[in-house]
C-alpha atoms as a PDB file:
ATOM      1  CA  MET A   1     -50.159  33.899 -49.575  1.00  0.00           C
ATOM      2  CA  LYS A   2     -49.078  32.046 -46.448  1.00  0.00           C
ATOM      3  CA  LYS A   3     -51.638  29.982 -44.568  1.00  0.00           C
ATOM      4  CA  GLU A   4     -52.052  30.879 -40.919  1.00  0.00           C
ATOM      5  CA  LEU A   5     -51.540  27.589 -39.109  1.00  0.00           C
ATOM      6  CA  ARG A   6     -53.323  26.776 -35.859  1.00  0.00           C
ATOM      7  CA  ILE A   7     -51.669  23.604 -34.586  1.00  0.00           C
ATOM      8  CA  VAL A   8     -52.714  20.920 -32.153  1.00  0.00           C
ATOM      9  CA  PHE A   9     -49.661  18.902 -31.105  1.00  0.00           C
ATOM     10  CA  MET A  10     -49.955  15.271 -29.954  1.00  0.00           C
ATOM     11  CA  GLY A  11     -47.134  13.410 -28.229  1.00  0.00           C
ATOM     12  CA  THR A  12     -45.946  11.926 -24.959  1.00  0.00           C
ATOM     13  CA  PRO A  13     -42.197  11.138 -24.438  1.00  0.00           C
ATOM     14  CA  ASP A  14     -38.990  13.183 -24.565  1.00  0.00           C
ATOM     15  CA  PHE A  15     -38.634  12.381 -28.273  1.00  0.00           C
ATOM     16  CA  ALA A  16     -41.770  14.454 -28.908  1.00  0.00           C
ATOM     17  CA  VAL A  17     -40.715  17.371 -26.683  1.00  0.00           C
ATOM     18  CA  GLU A  18     -37.894  18.350 -29.036  1.00  0.00           C
ATOM     19  CA  THR A  19     -40.352  18.764 -31.924  1.00  0.00           C
ATOM     20  CA  LEU A  20     -42.802  20.748 -29.810  1.00  0.00           C
ATOM     21  CA  LYS A  21     -39.940  23.027 -28.727  1.00  0.00           C
ATOM     22  CA  HIS A  22     -38.888  23.547 -32.366  1.00  0.00           C
ATOM     23  CA  ILE A  23     -42.438  24.448 -33.368  1.00  0.00           C
ATOM     24  CA  ILE A  24     -42.660  27.084 -30.627  1.00  0.00           C
ATOM     25  CA  ASP A  25     -39.166  28.422 -31.346  1.00  0.00           C
ATOM     26  CA  ASN A  26     -40.156  28.885 -35.000  1.00  0.00           C
ATOM     27  CA  GLN A  27     -43.105  31.086 -33.967  1.00  0.00           C
ATOM     28  CA  TYR A  28     -45.899  28.708 -34.995  1.00  0.00           C
ATOM     29  CA  LYS A  29     -49.160  28.959 -33.060  1.00  0.00           C
ATOM     30  CA  ILE A  30     -49.918  25.970 -30.810  1.00  0.00           C
ATOM     31  CA  VAL A  31     -53.587  26.054 -29.788  1.00  0.00           C
ATOM     32  CA  GLY A  32     -53.483  22.840 -27.767  1.00  0.00           C
ATOM     33  CA  VAL A  33     -51.419  19.833 -26.731  1.00  0.00           C
ATOM     34  CA  ILE A  34     -52.792  16.295 -26.434  1.00  0.00           C
ATOM     35  CA  THR A  35     -50.794  13.855 -24.322  1.00  0.00           C
ATOM     36  CA  ALA A  36     -51.204  10.681 -22.255  1.00  0.00           C
ATOM     37  CA  PRO A  37     -52.954  10.752 -18.876  1.00  0.00           C
ATOM     38  CA  ASP A  38     -50.729  10.975 -15.786  1.00  0.00           C
ATOM     39  CA  ARG A  39     -49.562   7.503 -14.749  1.00  0.00           C
ATOM     40  CA  PRO A  40     -48.364   6.049 -11.425  1.00  0.00           C
ATOM     41  CA  ALA A  41     -44.624   5.320 -11.415  1.00  0.00           C
ATOM     42  CA  GLY A  42     -41.787   4.528  -9.041  1.00  0.00           C
ATOM     43  CA  ARG A  43     -41.905   2.855  -5.655  1.00  0.00           C
ATOM     44  CA  GLY A  44     -44.410   5.322  -4.270  1.00  0.00           C
ATOM     45  CA  ARG A  45     -46.651   4.904  -7.330  1.00  0.00           C
ATOM     46  CA  LYS A  46     -47.077   8.658  -7.476  1.00  0.00           C
ATOM     47  CA  LEU A  47     -48.758  10.089 -10.559  1.00  0.00           C
ATOM     48  CA  GLN A  48     -46.194  11.217 -13.109  1.00  0.00           C
ATOM     49  CA  GLN A  49     -46.793  13.709 -15.893  1.00  0.00           C
ATOM     50  CA  SER A  50     -45.558  12.915 -19.397  1.00  0.00           C
ATOM     51  CA  ALA A  51     -42.502  14.783 -20.681  1.00  0.00           C
ATOM     52  CA  VAL A  52     -44.730  16.579 -23.190  1.00  0.00           C
ATOM     53  CA  LYS A  53     -47.200  17.682 -20.498  1.00  0.00           C
ATOM     54  CA  LYS A  54     -44.415  19.096 -18.319  1.00  0.00           C
ATOM     55  CA  PHE A  55     -42.997  21.085 -21.231  1.00  0.00           C
ATOM     56  CA  ALA A  56     -46.453  22.269 -22.351  1.00  0.00           C
ATOM     57  CA  LEU A  57     -47.381  23.545 -18.880  1.00  0.00           C
ATOM     58  CA  GLU A  58     -44.018  25.327 -18.577  1.00  0.00           C
ATOM     59  CA  ASN A  59     -44.923  27.146 -21.797  1.00  0.00           C
ATOM     60  CA  ASP A  60     -48.519  27.964 -20.775  1.00  0.00           C
ATOM     61  CA  LEU A  61     -50.086  25.729 -23.418  1.00  0.00           C
ATOM     62  CA  THR A  62     -53.568  24.220 -23.183  1.00  0.00           C
ATOM     63  CA  VAL A  63     -53.276  20.484 -22.348  1.00  0.00           C
ATOM     64  CA  LEU A  64     -55.854  17.737 -22.897  1.00  0.00           C
ATOM     65  CA  GLN A  65     -55.299  14.189 -21.576  1.00  0.00           C
ATOM     66  CA  PRO A  66     -58.029  11.906 -22.916  1.00  0.00           C
ATOM     67  CA  THR A  67     -58.222   8.247 -21.926  1.00  0.00           C
ATOM     68  CA  ASN A  68     -60.598   7.576 -24.817  1.00  0.00           C
ATOM     69  CA  LEU A  69     -59.965   9.391 -28.101  1.00  0.00           C
ATOM     70  CA  LYS A  70     -63.546   8.765 -29.219  1.00  0.00           C
ATOM     71  CA  ASP A  71     -65.104  10.245 -26.090  1.00  0.00           C
ATOM     72  CA  GLU A  72     -67.689  12.873 -27.023  1.00  0.00           C
ATOM     73  CA  GLY A  73     -66.461  15.278 -24.355  1.00  0.00           C
ATOM     74  CA  PHE A  74     -62.892  15.108 -25.639  1.00  0.00           C
ATOM     75  CA  LEU A  75     -63.961  15.489 -29.276  1.00  0.00           C
ATOM     76  CA  LYS A  76     -65.951  18.589 -28.332  1.00  0.00           C
ATOM     77  CA  GLU A  77     -62.931  20.100 -26.541  1.00  0.00           C
ATOM     78  CA  LEU A  78     -60.668  19.254 -29.478  1.00  0.00           C
ATOM     79  CA  LYS A  79     -63.019  20.855 -31.986  1.00  0.00           C
ATOM     80  CA  GLU A  80     -63.299  23.979 -29.847  1.00  0.00           C
ATOM     81  CA  LEU A  81     -59.523  24.490 -30.145  1.00  0.00           C
ATOM     82  CA  ASN A  82     -60.287  25.382 -33.769  1.00  0.00           C
ATOM     83  CA  ALA A  83     -57.053  23.893 -35.122  1.00  0.00           C
ATOM     84  CA  ASN A  84     -56.510  23.593 -38.874  1.00  0.00           C
ATOM     85  CA  LEU A  85     -53.523  21.200 -38.576  1.00  0.00           C
ATOM     86  CA  GLN A  86     -52.470  18.440 -36.193  1.00  0.00           C
ATOM     87  CA  VAL A  87     -48.891  17.267 -35.671  1.00  0.00           C
ATOM     88  CA  VAL A  88     -48.291  13.850 -34.078  1.00  0.00           C
ATOM     89  CA  VAL A  89     -44.982  12.606 -32.625  1.00  0.00           C
ATOM     90  CA  ALA A  90     -44.711   9.372 -30.614  1.00  0.00           C
ATOM     91  CA  PHE A  91     -48.347   9.258 -29.531  1.00  0.00           C
ATOM     92  CA  ARG A  92     -50.897   6.519 -30.237  1.00  0.00           C
ATOM     93  CA  MET A  93     -53.123   5.378 -33.073  1.00  0.00           C
ATOM     94  CA  LEU A  94     -55.810   7.978 -33.796  1.00  0.00           C
ATOM     95  CA  PRO A  95     -59.404   7.299 -34.854  1.00  0.00           C
ATOM     96  CA  LYS A  96     -60.515   8.890 -38.112  1.00  0.00           C
ATOM     97  CA  VAL A  97     -62.831  11.262 -36.243  1.00  0.00           C
ATOM     98  CA  VAL A  98     -59.665  12.807 -34.754  1.00  0.00           C
ATOM     99  CA  TRP A  99     -57.139  12.727 -37.604  1.00  0.00           C
ATOM    100  CA  GLY A 100     -59.742  13.803 -40.149  1.00  0.00           C
ATOM    101  CA  MET A 101     -60.853  16.842 -38.164  1.00  0.00           C
ATOM    102  CA  PRO A 102     -58.497  19.692 -39.220  1.00  0.00           C
ATOM    103  CA  GLU A 103     -58.664  21.414 -42.610  1.00  0.00           C
ATOM    104  CA  TYR A 104     -55.022  20.772 -43.518  1.00  0.00           C
ATOM    105  CA  GLY A 105     -54.954  17.233 -42.143  1.00  0.00           C
ATOM    106  CA  THR A 106     -52.871  15.445 -39.512  1.00  0.00           C
ATOM    107  CA  PHE A 107     -49.267  14.471 -40.091  1.00  0.00           C
ATOM    108  CA  ASN A 108     -46.949  12.236 -38.120  1.00  0.00           C
ATOM    109  CA  LEU A 109     -43.201  12.125 -37.586  1.00  0.00           C
ATOM    110  CA  HIS A 110     -41.836   8.562 -37.697  1.00  0.00           C
ATOM    111  CA  ALA A 111     -38.272   7.544 -36.821  1.00  0.00           C
ATOM    112  CA  SER A 112     -37.525   5.443 -39.906  1.00  0.00           C
ATOM    113  CA  LEU A 113     -37.391   5.669 -43.675  1.00  0.00           C
ATOM    114  CA  LEU A 114     -40.911   4.478 -44.386  1.00  0.00           C
ATOM    115  CA  PRO A 115     -42.243   2.102 -45.588  1.00  0.00           C
ATOM    116  CA  ASP A 116     -39.568   0.096 -43.716  1.00  0.00           C
ATOM    117  CA  TYR A 117     -39.824  -0.190 -39.954  1.00  0.00           C
ATOM    118  CA  ARG A 118     -43.451   0.685 -39.481  1.00  0.00           C
ATOM    119  CA  GLY A 119     -44.439  -0.005 -35.908  1.00  0.00           C
ATOM    120  CA  ALA A 120     -43.559   0.591 -32.292  1.00  0.00           C
ATOM    121  CA  ALA A 121     -39.747   0.351 -32.133  1.00  0.00           C
ATOM    122  CA  PRO A 122     -38.161   1.586 -35.388  1.00  0.00           C
ATOM    123  CA  ILE A 123     -34.976   2.929 -33.793  1.00  0.00           C
ATOM    124  CA  ASN A 124     -34.218  -0.332 -31.991  1.00  0.00           C
ATOM    125  CA  TRP A 125     -34.893  -2.619 -34.933  1.00  0.00           C
ATOM    126  CA  ALA A 126     -32.788  -0.628 -37.390  1.00  0.00           C
ATOM    127  CA  ILE A 127     -29.748  -1.279 -35.177  1.00  0.00           C
ATOM    128  CA  ILE A 128     -30.739  -4.845 -34.238  1.00  0.00           C
ATOM    129  CA  ASN A 129     -30.914  -5.685 -37.947  1.00  0.00           C
ATOM    130  CA  GLY A 130     -27.505  -4.144 -38.605  1.00  0.00           C
ATOM    131  CA  GLU A 131     -28.707  -1.319 -40.853  1.00  0.00           C
ATOM    132  CA  LYS A 132     -26.123   1.216 -42.008  1.00  0.00           C
ATOM    133  CA  LYS A 133     -28.681   4.000 -42.370  1.00  0.00           C
ATOM    134  CA  THR A 134     -32.134   5.002 -41.194  1.00  0.00           C
ATOM    135  CA  GLY A 135     -33.845   8.371 -40.966  1.00  0.00           C
ATOM    136  CA  THR A 136     -37.050  10.250 -40.304  1.00  0.00           C
ATOM    137  CA  THR A 137     -40.279  10.570 -42.278  1.00  0.00           C
ATOM    138  CA  THR A 138     -43.239  12.915 -42.112  1.00  0.00           C
ATOM    139  CA  PHE A 139     -46.483  11.565 -43.554  1.00  0.00           C
ATOM    140  CA  PHE A 140     -50.213  12.234 -43.481  1.00  0.00           C
ATOM    141  CA  ILE A 141     -52.069   9.834 -41.205  1.00  0.00           C
ATOM    142  CA  ASP A 142     -54.637   7.446 -42.684  1.00  0.00           C
ATOM    143  CA  GLU A 143     -56.635   4.438 -41.449  1.00  0.00           C
ATOM    144  CA  LYS A 144     -53.669   2.103 -40.906  1.00  0.00           C
ATOM    145  CA  ILE A 145     -50.458   2.363 -38.881  1.00  0.00           C
ATOM    146  CA  ASP A 146     -47.629   4.319 -40.561  1.00  0.00           C
ATOM    147  CA  THR A 147     -48.994   3.792 -44.085  1.00  0.00           C
ATOM    148  CA  GLY A 148     -50.027   7.315 -45.148  1.00  0.00           C
ATOM    149  CA  ALA A 149     -48.672   9.450 -47.977  1.00  0.00           C
ATOM    150  CA  ILE A 150     -45.076  10.552 -47.416  1.00  0.00           C
ATOM    151  CA  ILE A 151     -44.339  14.280 -47.229  1.00  0.00           C
ATOM    152  CA  LEU A 152     -40.600  14.459 -46.501  1.00  0.00           C
ATOM    153  CA  GLN A 153     -37.765  12.096 -45.576  1.00  0.00           C
ATOM    154  CA  GLU A 154     -34.205  12.571 -44.378  1.00  0.00           C
ATOM    155  CA  GLU A 155     -31.506   9.895 -44.104  1.00  0.00           C
ATOM    156  CA  THR A 156     -29.234   9.410 -41.072  1.00  0.00           C
ATOM    157  CA  PRO A 157     -26.179   7.094 -41.107  1.00  0.00           C
ATOM    158  CA  ILE A 158     -25.791   4.492 -38.343  1.00  0.00           C
ATOM    159  CA  ASP A 159     -22.266   3.958 -37.014  1.00  0.00           C
ATOM    160  CA  ASP A 160     -21.033   0.428 -36.250  1.00  0.00           C
ATOM    161  CA  ASP A 161     -20.891   1.076 -32.499  1.00  0.00           C
ATOM    162  CA  GLU A 162     -23.969   3.301 -32.200  1.00  0.00           C
ATOM    163  CA  THR A 163     -26.575   2.393 -29.582  1.00  0.00           C
ATOM    164  CA  ALA A 164     -30.328   2.887 -29.661  1.00  0.00           C
ATOM    165  CA  GLY A 165     -29.870   5.730 -27.175  1.00  0.00           C
ATOM    166  CA  ASP A 166     -27.372   7.494 -29.443  1.00  0.00           C
ATOM    167  CA  LEU A 167     -29.589   7.103 -32.496  1.00  0.00           C
ATOM    168  CA  HIS A 168     -32.696   8.188 -30.575  1.00  0.00           C
ATOM    169  CA  ASP A 169     -31.053  11.508 -29.738  1.00  0.00           C
ATOM    170  CA  GLN A 170     -29.893  12.045 -33.330  1.00  0.00           C
ATOM    171  CA  LEU A 171     -33.316  11.328 -34.817  1.00  0.00           C
ATOM    172  CA  MET A 172     -35.053  13.383 -32.143  1.00  0.00           C
ATOM    173  CA  THR A 173     -33.141  16.448 -33.366  1.00  0.00           C
ATOM    174  CA  SER A 174     -33.227  15.756 -37.116  1.00  0.00           C
ATOM    175  CA  GLY A 175     -36.899  14.772 -36.887  1.00  0.00           C
ATOM    176  CA  ALA A 176     -37.804  18.066 -35.220  1.00  0.00           C
ATOM    177  CA  ALA A 177     -36.085  19.932 -38.062  1.00  0.00           C
ATOM    178  CA  LEU A 178     -37.972  17.824 -40.624  1.00  0.00           C
ATOM    179  CA  VAL A 179     -41.283  18.765 -38.981  1.00  0.00           C
ATOM    180  CA  ILE A 180     -40.422  22.456 -39.383  1.00  0.00           C
ATOM    181  CA  LYS A 181     -39.671  21.914 -43.100  1.00  0.00           C
ATOM    182  CA  THR A 182     -43.019  20.131 -43.394  1.00  0.00           C
ATOM    183  CA  LEU A 183     -44.841  23.006 -41.670  1.00  0.00           C
ATOM    184  CA  GLN A 184     -43.171  25.476 -44.020  1.00  0.00           C
ATOM    185  CA  GLN A 185     -44.417  23.562 -47.052  1.00  0.00           C
ATOM    186  CA  ILE A 186     -47.962  23.311 -45.698  1.00  0.00           C
ATOM    187  CA  GLU A 187     -47.877  27.002 -44.772  1.00  0.00           C
ATOM    188  CA  SER A 188     -46.743  28.061 -48.256  1.00  0.00           C
ATOM    189  CA  GLY A 189     -48.977  25.626 -50.145  1.00  0.00           C
ATOM    190  CA  THR A 190     -45.993  23.955 -51.848  1.00  0.00           C
ATOM    191  CA  ILE A 191     -46.467  20.536 -50.289  1.00  0.00           C
ATOM    192  CA  GLU A 192     -46.156  17.430 -52.452  1.00  0.00           C
ATOM    193  CA  THR A 193     -46.740  13.881 -51.261  1.00  0.00           C
ATOM    194  CA  GLN A 194     -45.992  10.411 -52.566  1.00  0.00           C
ATOM    195  CA  LEU A 195     -47.732   7.159 -51.786  1.00  0.00           C
ATOM    196  CA  GLN A 196     -45.697   4.604 -49.894  1.00  0.00           C
ATOM    197  CA  PRO A 197     -44.430   1.814 -52.173  1.00  0.00           C
ATOM    198  CA  GLN A 198     -46.068  -1.573 -51.663  1.00  0.00           C
ATOM    199  CA  SER A 199     -43.707  -4.479 -51.034  1.00  0.00           C
ATOM    200  CA  ALA A 200     -43.960  -7.940 -49.489  1.00  0.00           C
ATOM    201  CA  GLU A 201     -40.400  -7.639 -48.148  1.00  0.00           C
ATOM    202  CA  LEU A 202     -40.811  -4.683 -45.803  1.00  0.00           C
ATOM    203  CA  LYS A 203     -38.935  -4.749 -42.499  1.00  0.00           C
ATOM    204  CA  THR A 204     -41.149  -4.313 -39.443  1.00  0.00           C
ATOM    205  CA  ALA A 205     -40.486  -2.577 -36.103  1.00  0.00           C
ATOM    206  CA  TYR A 206     -42.192  -5.140 -33.895  1.00  0.00           C
ATOM    207  CA  LYS A 207     -43.082  -4.292 -30.324  1.00  0.00           C
ATOM    208  CA  LEU A 208     -40.244  -5.299 -28.008  1.00  0.00           C
ATOM    209  CA  ASN A 209     -40.993  -7.986 -25.439  1.00  0.00           C
ATOM    210  CA  LYS A 210     -39.306 -10.472 -23.086  1.00  0.00           C
ATOM    211  CA  GLU A 211     -38.778 -12.993 -25.875  1.00  0.00           C
ATOM    212  CA  ASN A 212     -37.246 -10.860 -28.623  1.00  0.00           C
ATOM    213  CA  THR A 213     -34.903  -9.025 -26.225  1.00  0.00           C
ATOM    214  CA  ARG A 214     -33.305 -12.233 -24.868  1.00  0.00           C
ATOM    215  CA  ILE A 215     -29.820 -13.094 -26.144  1.00  0.00           C
ATOM    216  CA  ASP A 216     -29.351 -16.404 -27.956  1.00  0.00           C
ATOM    217  CA  TRP A 217     -25.674 -17.249 -27.451  1.00  0.00           C
ATOM    218  CA  ASN A 218     -25.807 -19.768 -30.309  1.00  0.00           C
ATOM    219  CA  SER A 219     -26.202 -16.839 -32.704  1.00  0.00           C
ATOM    220  CA  PRO A 220     -23.324 -15.234 -34.638  1.00  0.00           C
ATOM    221  CA  THR A 221     -21.259 -12.670 -32.721  1.00  0.00           C
ATOM    222  CA  GLU A 222     -22.405  -9.821 -34.976  1.00  0.00           C
ATOM    223  CA  THR A 223     -26.082 -10.670 -34.398  1.00  0.00           C
ATOM    224  CA  ILE A 224     -25.635 -10.636 -30.616  1.00  0.00           C
ATOM    225  CA  TYR A 225     -23.595  -7.427 -30.713  1.00  0.00           C
ATOM    226  CA  ASN A 226     -26.285  -5.658 -32.760  1.00  0.00           C
ATOM    227  CA  LEU A 227     -29.054  -6.901 -30.446  1.00  0.00           C
ATOM    228  CA  ILE A 228     -27.293  -5.555 -27.363  1.00  0.00           C
ATOM    229  CA  ARG A 229     -26.538  -2.094 -28.793  1.00  0.00           C
ATOM    230  CA  GLY A 230     -29.989  -1.957 -30.399  1.00  0.00           C
ATOM    231  CA  LEU A 231     -31.589  -2.388 -26.969  1.00  0.00           C
ATOM    232  CA  SER A 232     -29.260  -0.119 -24.995  1.00  0.00           C
ATOM    233  CA  PRO A 233     -30.045   1.698 -22.785  1.00  0.00           C
ATOM    234  CA  TYR A 234     -33.704   0.669 -23.015  1.00  0.00           C
ATOM    235  CA  PRO A 235     -35.327  -1.823 -22.739  1.00  0.00           C
ATOM    236  CA  THR A 236     -31.952  -3.669 -22.560  1.00  0.00           C
ATOM    237  CA  ALA A 237     -30.897  -7.098 -23.804  1.00  0.00           C
ATOM    238  CA  TRP A 238     -30.884  -9.823 -21.161  1.00  0.00           C
ATOM    239  CA  SER A 239     -29.688 -13.353 -20.451  1.00  0.00           C
ATOM    240  CA  LEU A 240     -29.929 -15.963 -17.729  1.00  0.00           C
ATOM    241  CA  LEU A 241     -26.663 -16.564 -15.877  1.00  0.00           C
ATOM    242  CA  LYS A 242     -26.033 -19.961 -14.296  1.00  0.00           C
ATOM    243  CA  ASN A 243     -23.187 -19.536 -11.834  1.00  0.00           C
ATOM    244  CA  GLY A 244     -22.100 -22.626  -9.914  1.00  0.00           C
ATOM    245  CA  THR A 245     -24.857 -24.261  -7.865  1.00  0.00           C
ATOM    246  CA  GLN A 246     -26.948 -21.083  -7.647  1.00  0.00           C
ATOM    247  CA  ASP A 247     -30.282 -20.762  -9.422  1.00  0.00           C
ATOM    248  CA  PRO A 248     -30.047 -18.910 -12.755  1.00  0.00           C
ATOM    249  CA  ILE A 249     -30.321 -15.122 -12.436  1.00  0.00           C
ATOM    250  CA  ASN A 250     -31.460 -12.505 -14.939  1.00  0.00           C
ATOM    251  CA  VAL A 251     -28.618 -10.267 -16.140  1.00  0.00           C
ATOM    252  CA  LYS A 252     -29.156  -7.086 -18.168  1.00  0.00           C
ATOM    253  CA  ILE A 253     -26.360  -6.348 -20.641  1.00  0.00           C
ATOM    254  CA  TYR A 254     -25.809  -2.728 -21.677  1.00  0.00           C
ATOM    255  CA  GLU A 255     -22.414  -2.510 -23.324  1.00  0.00           C
ATOM    256  CA  VAL A 256     -20.083  -5.066 -24.916  1.00  0.00           C
ATOM    257  CA  GLU A 257     -17.271  -5.479 -27.413  1.00  0.00           C
ATOM    258  CA  LYS A 258     -17.128  -8.164 -30.123  1.00  0.00           C
ATOM    259  CA  ASP A 259     -14.358 -10.445 -31.341  1.00  0.00           C
ATOM    260  CA  ILE A 260     -15.079 -12.728 -34.294  1.00  0.00           C
ATOM    261  CA  GLN A 261     -12.781 -15.767 -34.337  1.00  0.00           C
ATOM    262  CA  SER A 262     -12.981 -19.559 -34.521  1.00  0.00           C
ATOM    263  CA  HIS A 263     -12.869 -21.535 -31.254  1.00  0.00           C
ATOM    264  CA  ASN A 264     -14.027 -24.773 -29.665  1.00  0.00           C
ATOM    265  CA  ASP A 265     -15.889 -23.306 -26.663  1.00  0.00           C
ATOM    266  CA  VAL A 266     -19.568 -24.081 -26.174  1.00  0.00           C
ATOM    267  CA  PRO A 267     -21.691 -20.945 -26.854  1.00  0.00           C
ATOM    268  CA  GLY A 268     -22.565 -19.233 -23.580  1.00  0.00           C
ATOM    269  CA  THR A 269     -19.377 -20.387 -21.827  1.00  0.00           C
ATOM    270  CA  ILE A 270     -17.914 -17.648 -19.597  1.00  0.00           C
ATOM    271  CA  SER A 271     -14.166 -17.029 -19.265  1.00  0.00           C
ATOM    272  CA  VAL A 272     -12.566 -14.504 -16.918  1.00  0.00           C
ATOM    273  CA  GLU A 273      -9.020 -13.209 -17.485  1.00  0.00           C
ATOM    274  CA  LYS A 274      -7.500 -10.194 -15.724  1.00  0.00           C
ATOM    275  CA  ASN A 275     -10.766  -8.335 -15.011  1.00  0.00           C
ATOM    276  CA  VAL A 276     -12.105  -9.166 -18.492  1.00  0.00           C
ATOM    277  CA  VAL A 277     -15.191 -11.362 -18.936  1.00  0.00           C
ATOM    278  CA  TYR A 278     -15.666 -13.172 -22.266  1.00  0.00           C
ATOM    279  CA  ILE A 279     -18.725 -15.096 -23.407  1.00  0.00           C
ATOM    280  CA  ALA A 280     -18.420 -17.584 -26.246  1.00  0.00           C
ATOM    281  CA  THR A 281     -20.735 -17.290 -29.239  1.00  0.00           C
ATOM    282  CA  LYS A 282     -21.193 -19.351 -32.387  1.00  0.00           C
ATOM    283  CA  ASP A 283     -18.226 -17.714 -34.108  1.00  0.00           C
ATOM    284  CA  GLY A 284     -16.346 -15.635 -31.546  1.00  0.00           C
ATOM    285  CA  TYR A 285     -16.627 -13.873 -28.217  1.00  0.00           C
ATOM    286  CA  ILE A 286     -18.590 -11.065 -26.615  1.00  0.00           C
ATOM    287  CA  THR A 287     -16.660  -9.072 -23.995  1.00  0.00           C
ATOM    288  CA  LEU A 288     -18.832  -7.666 -21.219  1.00  0.00           C
ATOM    289  CA  LYS A 289     -18.278  -3.963 -20.486  1.00  0.00           C
ATOM    290  CA  GLU A 290     -21.369  -2.866 -18.512  1.00  0.00           C
ATOM    291  CA  ILE A 291     -24.063  -5.088 -17.000  1.00  0.00           C
ATOM    292  CA  GLN A 292     -26.660  -5.115 -14.235  1.00  0.00           C
ATOM    293  CA  LEU A 293     -27.169  -7.932 -11.736  1.00  0.00           C
ATOM    294  CA  PRO A 294     -30.553  -8.410 -10.000  1.00  0.00           C
ATOM    295  CA  GLY A 295     -31.175  -5.817  -7.283  1.00  0.00           C
ATOM    296  CA  LYS A 296     -28.071  -3.831  -8.252  1.00  0.00           C
ATOM    297  CA  ARG A 297     -27.422  -0.744 -10.366  1.00  0.00           C
ATOM    298  CA  LYS A 298     -25.720  -1.124 -13.714  1.00  0.00           C
ATOM    299  CA  MET A 299     -21.940  -1.266 -13.321  1.00  0.00           C
ATOM    300  CA  ILE A 300     -18.796  -1.630 -15.399  1.00  0.00           C
ATOM    301  CA  ILE A 301     -17.450  -5.172 -15.314  1.00  0.00           C
ATOM    302  CA  LYS A 302     -14.321  -4.272 -13.326  1.00  0.00           C
ATOM    303  CA  ASP A 303     -16.498  -3.027 -10.460  1.00  0.00           C
ATOM    304  CA  ILE A 304     -18.741  -6.103 -10.691  1.00  0.00           C
ATOM    305  CA  LEU A 305     -15.697  -8.365 -10.260  1.00  0.00           C
ATOM    306  CA  ASN A 306     -14.740  -6.573  -7.037  1.00  0.00           C
ATOM    307  CA  GLY A 307     -17.694  -8.179  -5.291  1.00  0.00           C
ATOM    308  CA  TYR A 308     -18.900 -10.997  -7.538  1.00  0.00           C
ATOM    309  CA  THR A 309     -17.158 -14.219  -8.579  1.00  0.00           C
ATOM    310  CA  PHE A 310     -17.845 -16.137 -11.785  1.00  0.00           C
ATOM    311  CA  GLU A 311     -17.317 -19.836 -11.033  1.00  0.00           C
ATOM    312  CA  LYS A 312     -15.311 -22.003 -13.456  1.00  0.00           C
ATOM    313  CA  ASN A 313     -18.487 -23.589 -14.844  1.00  0.00           C
ATOM    314  CA  ALA A 314     -20.389 -20.279 -15.140  1.00  0.00           C
ATOM    315  CA  LYS A 315     -22.500 -20.064 -18.267  1.00  0.00           C
ATOM    316  CA  MET A 316     -25.011 -17.798 -19.978  1.00  0.00           C
ATOM    317  CA  LEU A 317     -28.144 -19.760 -20.853  1.00  0.00           C
END
């Protein structure tokens, strides 16, 4: 006999919207949606709703936006939704009083093949590290981050020129489908889980910051190429450009090509030939295709060169 699921969905960005849409399209009952509070954004600092909130309101779903997940008022509202299952996609760490509430538990969709790439940026780090495959995992939440018992997994290949944006969109779709398969198993009582293997050599999806998104031009060409595509279009790899006597400026680099070859140029040296800009690396060159200068929009390099000159001694620091 099928269980009648009453689902609370928790999520915030576009990645989560696709799963919420799939759940509705597959006729599952959503009794409430939990998402982040509205936040000021843009030049006017106007309050912006999360992608999940916008979609939920368009579909007449009950929305809760707690600032504190342990707040007694929120916990009372959550309990009154009378859910027997919670589904989490790209939200935040939950206290046990929340994830332990429903009868059938709380499961999460994570954009990696757990136990590898636990953490905040699994899509980016899979590409940065040059992986040839990644995937999605559903698992029951426990006390720690991304460590709970695995329900289902599905592999996704990573192409050599794929960006984080490309992979995000792939996993957003395949992950939504995996959530539906997970719901079907819970609904039919056929669910089986397996504990995550313990290993000292797990790869971690560290939070991205100013330091680990900066390009080191002394690195191998392949390493730099993977960093740039693994951070494109967001949060974007960056470098300081020293051009002539000007102070160094911060340049965001979105798209490049790679050329591995031996040379005698100092890493970071910039060469310009016929509307093509090359930067020397440890073992080759990176060709700039699309970048963003301070105060400008991102542009292809040919358009940049129409109004910007790289001096003969120009260098990426």
